[in-house]
Protein backbone atom coordinates (compact mmCIF):
# COMPACT_ATOMS: atom_id res chain seq x y z
CA UNK A 1 15.20 -13.55 -9.53
CA UNK A 2 13.76 -14.58 -6.17
CA UNK A 3 9.89 -14.66 -6.19
CA UNK A 4 9.76 -12.31 -3.02
CA UNK A 5 10.68 -9.39 -5.39
CA UNK A 6 7.92 -10.25 -7.55
CA UNK A 7 5.38 -10.58 -4.99
CA UNK A 8 6.54 -7.60 -2.91
CA UNK A 9 6.87 -4.63 -5.41
CA UNK A 10 4.20 -5.58 -7.86
CA UNK A 11 1.87 -6.24 -5.39
CA UNK A 12 2.52 -2.78 -3.66
CA UNK A 13 3.09 -0.56 -6.44
CA UNK A 14 -0.05 -1.79 -8.66
CA UNK A 15 -1.83 1.01 -6.94
CA UNK A 16 0.46 3.69 -5.84
CA UNK A 17 1.49 5.44 -9.08
CA UNK A 18 -0.49 8.41 -7.78
CA UNK A 19 1.82 11.39 -7.52
CA UNK A 20 -0.36 13.36 -5.07
CA UNK A 21 -3.10 11.94 -2.50
CA UNK A 22 -6.53 12.69 -3.71
CA UNK A 23 -9.16 13.73 -1.05
CA UNK A 24 -12.63 14.08 -2.78
CA UNK A 25 -11.32 15.05 -6.15
CA UNK A 26 -8.92 17.91 -4.55
CA UNK A 27 -5.19 17.50 -5.11
CA UNK A 28 -3.66 17.64 -1.52
CA UNK A 29 0.00 19.01 -2.29
CA UNK A 30 2.59 19.09 0.67
CA UNK A 31 4.55 22.09 1.64
CA UNK A 32 7.40 22.50 -0.88
CA UNK A 33 9.89 23.56 2.03
CA UNK A 34 9.90 19.96 3.31
CA UNK A 35 10.28 18.16 -0.24
CA UNK A 36 13.10 17.90 -2.58
CA UNK A 37 13.05 17.48 -6.55
CA UNK A 38 15.18 14.43 -6.96
CA UNK A 39 16.29 13.15 -10.19
CA UNK A 40 18.88 10.49 -11.56
CA UNK A 41 19.36 7.35 -13.57
CA UNK A 42 18.97 3.57 -12.70
CA UNK A 43 21.48 1.16 -13.96
CA UNK A 44 22.36 -2.37 -13.93
CA UNK A 45 25.91 -3.93 -14.84
CA UNK A 46 24.47 -4.15 -18.42
CA UNK A 47 23.55 -0.52 -18.58
CA UNK A 48 20.35 1.57 -18.05
CA UNK A 49 17.30 -0.34 -16.80
CA UNK A 50 14.15 -0.32 -19.22
CA UNK A 51 11.08 1.90 -18.52
CA UNK A 52 9.54 1.05 -15.35
CA UNK A 53 8.76 2.10 -11.77
CA UNK A 54 11.03 3.26 -8.90
CA UNK A 55 9.77 2.74 -5.25
CA UNK A 56 10.90 4.87 -2.38
CA UNK A 57 10.92 3.12 1.10
CA UNK A 58 11.40 5.18 4.16
CA UNK A 59 14.57 3.60 5.59
CA UNK A 60 13.84 4.98 9.25
CA UNK A 61 10.71 3.08 9.61
CA UNK A 62 8.73 0.12 8.52
CA UNK A 63 9.78 -3.52 7.58
CA UNK A 64 12.71 -4.19 5.42
CA UNK A 65 11.44 -3.94 1.66
CA UNK A 66 13.45 -7.23 0.79
CA UNK A 67 11.33 -9.47 3.41
CA UNK A 68 8.98 -11.22 1.41
CA UNK A 69 6.62 -12.27 4.49
CA UNK A 70 5.46 -8.40 4.70
CA UNK A 71 3.95 -6.36 1.94
CA UNK A 72 4.99 -3.11 2.51
CA UNK A 73 3.51 0.10 0.54
CA UNK A 74 6.14 2.40 -0.66
CA UNK A 75 6.08 6.10 0.61
CA UNK A 76 6.57 7.34 -2.88
CA UNK A 77 6.88 6.05 -6.64
CA UNK A 78 8.18 7.49 -9.77
CA UNK A 79 8.01 6.51 -13.46
CA UNK A 80 11.42 5.61 -15.24
CA UNK A 81 11.94 6.23 -18.76
CA UNK A 82 13.68 4.22 -21.55
CA UNK A 83 16.86 5.84 -20.69
CA UNK A 84 16.53 4.73 -17.14
CA UNK A 85 15.93 8.46 -15.82
CA UNK A 86 13.50 9.58 -13.40
CA UNK A 87 12.37 12.76 -11.64
CA UNK A 88 10.10 13.02 -8.88
CA UNK A 89 9.24 15.25 -5.64
CA UNK A 90 10.10 13.67 -2.46
CA UNK A 91 9.75 14.48 1.23
CA UNK A 92 13.09 14.99 2.82
CA UNK A 93 14.39 11.65 4.64
CA UNK A 94 16.36 8.38 4.10
CA UNK A 95 14.98 5.70 1.49
CA UNK A 96 15.68 2.51 0.30
CA UNK A 97 14.96 2.06 -3.52
CA UNK A 98 13.14 -0.54 -5.38
CA UNK A 99 12.66 -0.89 -9.08
CA UNK A 100 10.43 -3.17 -11.50
CA UNK A 101 10.17 -3.02 -15.32
CA UNK A 102 6.82 -1.93 -16.86
CA UNK A 103 4.39 0.69 -15.71
CA UNK A 104 1.52 -0.36 -13.36
CA UNK A 105 -0.79 -2.74 -15.01
CA UNK A 106 -1.56 -5.55 -12.36
CA UNK A 107 -4.09 -5.03 -9.60
CA UNK A 108 -2.48 -5.40 -6.45
CA UNK A 109 -2.29 -8.87 -5.04
CA UNK A 110 -1.78 -10.39 -8.37
CA UNK A 111 1.93 -10.54 -9.16
CA UNK A 112 3.28 -11.85 -12.46
CA UNK A 113 5.45 -14.73 -12.16
CA UNK A 114 7.78 -13.45 -14.87
CA UNK A 115 8.23 -10.22 -13.03
CA UNK A 116 11.81 -9.40 -12.11
CA UNK A 117 12.55 -6.82 -9.25
CA UNK A 118 15.73 -5.12 -8.18
CA UNK A 119 17.01 -3.13 -5.15
CA UNK A 120 19.40 -0.30 -5.36
CA UNK A 121 22.97 -1.00 -3.79
CA UNK A 122 26.48 -0.10 -3.55
CA UNK A 123 27.24 -3.43 -4.76
CA UNK A 124 25.63 -7.06 -4.77
CA UNK A 125 25.78 -7.21 -1.05
CA UNK A 126 25.26 -3.83 0.26
CA UNK A 127 22.32 -1.52 0.10
CA UNK A 128 22.38 2.07 -1.26
CA UNK A 129 20.50 4.65 0.91
CA UNK A 130 19.29 7.54 -0.72
CA UNK A 131 19.43 10.99 1.49
CA UNK A 132 16.96 13.77 0.34
CA UNK A 133 17.80 16.95 2.30
CA UNK A 134 17.92 19.50 -0.48
CA UNK A 135 15.17 21.34 -2.88
CA UNK A 136 17.06 20.03 -6.18
CA UNK A 137 19.24 17.06 -6.13
CA UNK A 138 20.67 14.70 -8.97
CA UNK A 139 21.81 11.35 -7.67
CA UNK A 140 23.80 10.37 -10.82
CA UNK A 141 23.73 6.90 -11.66
CA UNK A 142 22.25 4.36 -9.15
CA UNK A 143 22.94 0.73 -9.53
CA UNK A 144 20.48 -1.85 -9.15
CA UNK A 145 21.19 -5.60 -8.16
CA UNK A 146 18.96 -8.79 -7.57
CA UNK A 147 19.44 -8.69 -3.68
CA UNK A 148 19.19 -11.93 -1.58
CA UNK A 149 15.87 -12.12 0.40
CA UNK A 150 16.26 -10.38 3.59
CA UNK A 151 15.97 -12.16 7.00
CA UNK A 152 12.47 -12.40 8.09
CA UNK A 153 11.43 -9.27 10.33
CA UNK A 154 9.99 -9.56 13.61
CA UNK A 155 6.18 -9.70 12.85
CA UNK A 156 2.75 -11.20 13.58
CA UNK A 157 0.13 -12.78 11.47
CA UNK A 158 -3.41 -12.19 11.13
CA UNK A 159 -5.66 -14.84 9.69
CA UNK A 160 -9.67 -13.82 8.86
CA UNK A 161 -12.31 -14.11 6.43
CA UNK A 162 -14.34 -11.46 4.86
CA UNK A 163 -18.06 -11.82 4.11
CA UNK A 164 -20.89 -9.46 3.11
CA UNK A 165 -23.85 -8.58 5.22
CA UNK A 166 -25.56 -12.03 3.91
CA UNK A 167 -23.00 -13.92 5.31
CA UNK A 168 -21.40 -14.74 1.83
CA UNK A 169 -17.56 -14.86 1.39
CA UNK A 170 -16.16 -12.12 -0.75
CA UNK A 171 -13.24 -12.61 -3.01
CA UNK A 172 -10.87 -10.20 -4.45
CA UNK A 173 -10.72 -8.05 -1.15
CA UNK A 174 -7.53 -6.41 -0.15
CA UNK A 175 -7.04 -5.59 3.62
CA UNK A 176 -4.98 -2.71 4.29
CA UNK A 177 -3.38 -1.64 7.64
CA UNK A 178 -2.83 1.73 8.97
CA UNK A 179 -1.13 2.97 12.26
CA UNK A 180 -3.52 6.05 12.08
CA UNK A 181 -6.88 5.34 11.52
CA UNK A 182 -7.35 9.01 9.94
CA UNK A 183 -4.40 8.49 7.63
CA UNK A 184 -5.03 8.30 3.70
CA UNK A 185 -2.12 6.34 3.32
CA UNK A 186 -2.10 2.60 4.65
CA UNK A 187 1.52 1.03 5.48
CA UNK A 188 0.90 -2.42 4.64
CA UNK A 189 -1.38 -4.63 2.55
CA UNK A 190 -2.45 -8.19 2.21
CA UNK A 191 -2.91 -10.43 -0.88
CA UNK A 192 -6.55 -10.50 -2.12
CA UNK A 193 -9.04 -12.69 -0.49
CA UNK A 194 -9.62 -16.18 -2.26
CA UNK A 195 -12.73 -17.53 -3.41
CA UNK A 196 -13.55 -18.43 0.06
CA UNK A 197 -13.02 -15.00 1.48
CA UNK A 198 -9.90 -15.92 3.51
CA UNK A 199 -7.03 -13.52 3.91
CA UNK A 200 -3.44 -13.63 5.63
CA UNK A 201 -1.80 -10.24 6.47
CA UNK A 202 1.63 -10.12 8.11
CA UNK A 203 2.60 -7.18 10.07
CA UNK A 204 5.28 -5.83 12.31
CA UNK A 205 4.63 -5.69 16.02
CA UNK A 206 2.29 -2.90 17.21
CA UNK A 207 -1.22 -1.72 16.85
CA UNK A 208 -2.94 -1.17 13.34
CA UNK A 209 -6.45 -0.40 12.10
CA UNK A 210 -7.77 -2.95 9.40
CA UNK A 211 -9.82 -1.93 6.56
CA UNK A 212 -11.14 -4.10 3.87
CA UNK A 213 -11.21 -2.69 0.47
CA UNK A 214 -12.62 -3.81 -2.93
CA UNK A 215 -10.80 -3.07 -6.20
CA UNK A 216 -8.15 -1.12 -4.61
CA UNK A 217 -6.37 0.87 -7.22
CA UNK A 218 -5.89 4.40 -5.31
CA UNK A 219 -5.91 5.77 -2.08
CA UNK A 220 -8.83 7.79 -0.71
CA UNK A 221 -12.46 7.11 0.08
CA UNK A 222 -13.96 3.81 -1.57
CA UNK A 223 -16.54 4.75 -4.25
CA UNK A 224 -20.29 4.13 -4.13
CA UNK A 225 -21.09 0.44 -4.72
CA UNK A 226 -17.89 -0.68 -3.62
CA UNK A 227 -17.40 -3.11 -0.65
CA UNK A 228 -15.71 -1.54 2.29
CA UNK A 229 -15.46 -2.88 6.14
CA UNK A 230 -13.35 -2.22 9.31
CA UNK A 231 -12.29 -4.99 11.62
CA UNK A 232 -13.95 -4.50 14.83
CA UNK A 233 -17.16 -2.58 13.22
CA UNK A 234 -20.01 -4.76 12.35
CA UNK A 235 -22.68 -2.02 11.62
CA UNK A 236 -23.02 -1.00 7.75
CA UNK A 237 -22.45 2.37 5.82
CA UNK A 238 -24.23 5.26 7.47
CA UNK A 239 -26.01 7.97 5.76
CA UNK A 240 -22.97 9.39 3.99
CA UNK A 241 -20.85 6.44 3.98
CA UNK A 242 -19.46 6.44 7.30
CA UNK A 243 -19.25 3.59 9.57
CA UNK A 244 -20.65 3.55 13.10
CA UNK A 245 -17.67 3.82 15.16
CA UNK A 246 -18.77 4.85 18.70
CA UNK A 247 -16.93 7.66 20.56
CA UNK A 248 -14.04 5.89 22.68
CA UNK A 249 -14.48 2.84 20.80
CA UNK A 250 -11.06 1.14 20.16
CA UNK A 251 -11.06 -0.91 16.80
CA UNK A 252 -7.20 -1.24 16.58
CA UNK A 253 -5.73 -4.61 16.61
CA UNK A 254 -2.51 -5.20 18.48
CA UNK A 255 0.07 -7.72 17.86
CA UNK A 256 3.22 -9.09 19.47
CA UNK A 257 6.39 -10.83 17.39
CA UNK A 258 5.67 -14.21 16.72
CA UNK A 259 2.07 -14.00 17.76
CA UNK A 260 -0.79 -15.53 15.11
CA UNK A 261 -4.43 -13.97 15.60
CA UNK A 262 -6.88 -16.21 14.06
CA UNK A 263 -10.52 -15.26 13.24
CA UNK A 264 -9.99 -11.74 12.47
CA UNK A 265 -13.22 -11.63 10.42
CA UNK A 266 -14.59 -8.60 8.73
CA UNK A 267 -17.93 -7.84 7.31
CA UNK A 268 -18.18 -5.67 4.20
CA UNK A 269 -20.87 -3.40 3.19
CA UNK A 270 -21.75 -1.59 0.05
CA UNK A 271 -21.04 2.08 0.00
CA UNK A 272 -24.33 3.77 -0.41
CA UNK A 273 -24.82 6.89 -2.95
CA UNK A 274 -24.83 9.82 -0.75
CA UNK A 275 -26.65 12.00 -3.19
CA UNK A 276 -29.59 9.45 -3.34
CA UNK A 277 -29.68 8.98 0.26
CA UNK A 278 -29.71 12.75 0.70
CA UNK A 279 -32.66 13.23 -1.71
CA UNK A 280 -34.42 10.31 0.21
CA UNK A 281 -34.08 11.90 3.55
CA UNK A 282 -35.21 15.38 2.10
CA UNK A 283 -38.54 13.67 1.00
CA UNK A 284 -39.10 12.24 4.16
CA UNK A 285 -37.89 8.75 3.67
CA UNK A 286 -35.71 6.61 5.92
CA UNK A 287 -32.51 5.19 5.26
């Protein structure tokens, strides 16, 4: 199995097993009328796949999930049981499907070299596209194959370094990219920063907001004590963990196909304890 599969799916799915998005501990459940309950069975030429994880990639947007140069986050994931069956609620749309054996156990950015991933197909050379347009839908058997790596998509590359406020490099940071700064879900991620704090992120052409996250295992706000940073923002976290983005300030990064952006450095800060800070302010102290 080609290494792209190992890097792509395990890096992405290691932190996407959340069925719903959690915002401040409250389940944010989408309206049922634009979602379908999808079920089916995943098989290969030798029979049902073993227990694992199924990833849904929107076929109408984003890079090709078979392109190893871009680490794309799937729109949805579902657990697959020992009989190869799955059931999950998915937003209406068209999806390319990926599968890897085993439940999520590895932190994003640390792929297992023994990992094998598959993509759904009509045959070994033609992709399978799943159309979700009904409230209840059983796909029947979906065949999965070890597809050859896709031709590299049009993209640009971002290179940078992550340091803390003392100027020391921070390892283990994941850079996530969003097209909407207010979206809870990012579209792309980097591998974790190395010991020198260096990272490389490859993206399709366009404009993105880059966030540095520490110990990234779920979506939502970073927890107190964790490192967090935004490209283009140099100040630390404020009274309740918010970063000082001035009104009208554009902190997005734009890249064209083939462009290589250097020195996209990010300073990360520890997220403060909002309760402790509020008590400090009430007692007349200063932050």
